Structures are given as C-alpha cells and as structure tokens.
Amino acid sequence: MKTSHKRATVYFDASLHRALRVKAAVTERSLSEIVNAAVKQSMAEDAEDLAAFKDRANEPNLAFEVVLKDLRQRGKL
C-alpha cells in the first residue's frame, strides 16, 4: 500500500526547532517523522477523551456544593 504524503509549512519557536533537530539527529529520525508521531499521539488522546465523554454522557450531574458537602462529611476536606 502506497502512503500519500502532503507538504505543509509549520513555523516552530526557534528553541523548539533546535530541540527537534537535536532529537531527530539523536534518534536518527526525520523532523517529519517526529512531528507526525506527536500529532498522531495527540489526536489519539483526543479520540480517547471523546470516547470517555460519550461513555459518561448519561451519568447524573452532581452540584458542586453537594460534592463539597459529601467530601467534608467524609473528612476528605
């Protein structure tokens, strides 16, 4: 299966760019590989968060004051 690549221009803070170049050299990976991996990881975390929100959508809402009162009664606050 052929992988399609798209070109994009990304502007990094100078110190971040320097750190990425060092990491690329040390790990023998390209900047693109490092950035792609980081973006994929971030998007996977977002997907996990969205799935958790969906799973908990039907849970009852608790008033903040009720939670505080309960914590105080149980000696947690």
Protein backbone atom coordinates (compact mmCIF):
# COMPACT_ATOMS: atom_id res chain seq x y z
CA MET A 1 0.00 0.00 0.00
CA LYS A 2 1.43 3.36 -1.02
CA THR A 3 1.41 6.10 1.60
CA SER A 4 0.45 9.54 0.41
CA HIS A 5 2.32 12.48 1.90
CA LYS A 6 1.23 16.11 1.90
CA ARG A 7 3.52 19.06 2.33
CA ALA A 8 2.76 21.76 4.90
CA THR A 9 4.64 24.73 6.25
CA VAL A 10 4.87 24.82 10.03
CA TYR A 11 6.57 27.57 11.99
CA PHE A 12 8.26 26.49 15.22
CA ASP A 13 9.60 28.59 18.02
CA ALA A 14 13.39 28.78 17.50
CA SER A 15 14.24 26.85 20.67
CA LEU A 16 11.68 24.15 19.89
CA HIS A 17 13.04 23.80 16.35
CA ARG A 18 16.56 23.41 17.71
CA ALA A 19 15.38 20.73 20.17
CA LEU A 20 13.55 18.89 17.38
CA ARG A 21 16.65 18.92 15.18
CA VAL A 22 18.74 17.52 18.04
CA LYS A 23 16.15 14.82 18.77
CA ALA A 24 16.00 13.94 15.07
CA ALA A 25 19.76 13.56 14.93
CA VAL A 26 19.98 11.53 18.13
CA THR A 27 17.12 9.19 17.19
CA GLU A 28 18.09 9.03 13.51
CA ARG A 29 14.58 10.07 12.52
CA SER A 30 13.43 12.96 10.38
CA LEU A 31 11.69 16.02 11.77
CA SER A 32 8.63 14.94 9.80
CA GLU A 33 8.61 11.53 11.48
CA ILE A 34 8.84 13.10 14.93
CA VAL A 35 6.13 15.69 14.23
CA ASN A 36 3.83 13.11 12.60
CA ALA A 37 4.19 10.79 15.62
CA ALA A 38 3.44 13.65 18.03
CA VAL A 39 0.36 14.76 16.08
CA LYS A 40 -0.92 11.17 15.85
CA GLN A 41 -0.45 10.72 19.60
CA SER A 42 -2.27 13.97 20.33
CA MET A 43 -5.16 13.01 18.06
CA ALA A 44 -5.37 9.54 19.66
CA GLU A 45 -5.61 11.20 23.09
CA ASP A 46 -8.40 13.44 21.76
CA ALA A 47 -10.23 10.36 20.46
CA GLU A 48 -9.89 8.70 23.88
CA ASP A 49 -11.26 11.81 25.58
CA LEU A 50 -14.23 11.98 23.20
CA ALA A 51 -14.96 8.29 23.78
CA ALA A 52 -14.87 8.85 27.55
CA PHE A 53 -17.26 11.80 27.24
CA LYS A 54 -19.61 9.67 25.16
CA ASP A 55 -19.46 6.80 27.67
CA ARG A 56 -20.26 9.15 30.54
CA ALA A 57 -22.93 11.21 28.77
CA ASN A 58 -25.79 9.58 30.68
CA GLU A 59 -24.23 9.89 34.12
CA PRO A 60 -26.11 12.14 36.52
CA ASN A 61 -24.77 15.63 37.12
CA LEU A 62 -23.81 16.48 40.67
CA ALA A 63 -23.94 20.00 42.03
CA PHE A 64 -20.55 21.24 43.16
CA GLU A 65 -21.93 22.15 46.57
CA VAL A 66 -23.23 18.59 47.06
CA VAL A 67 -19.82 17.13 46.26
CA LEU A 68 -18.12 19.55 48.67
CA LYS A 69 -20.60 18.70 51.43
CA ASP A 70 -20.01 14.99 50.90
CA LEU A 71 -16.23 15.40 50.98
CA ARG A 72 -16.45 17.42 54.21
CA GLN A 73 -18.73 14.84 55.84
CA ARG A 74 -16.28 12.07 54.97
CA GLY A 75 -13.34 14.08 56.34
CA LYS A 76 -11.68 14.46 52.95
CA LEU A 77 -11.67 18.28 53.16
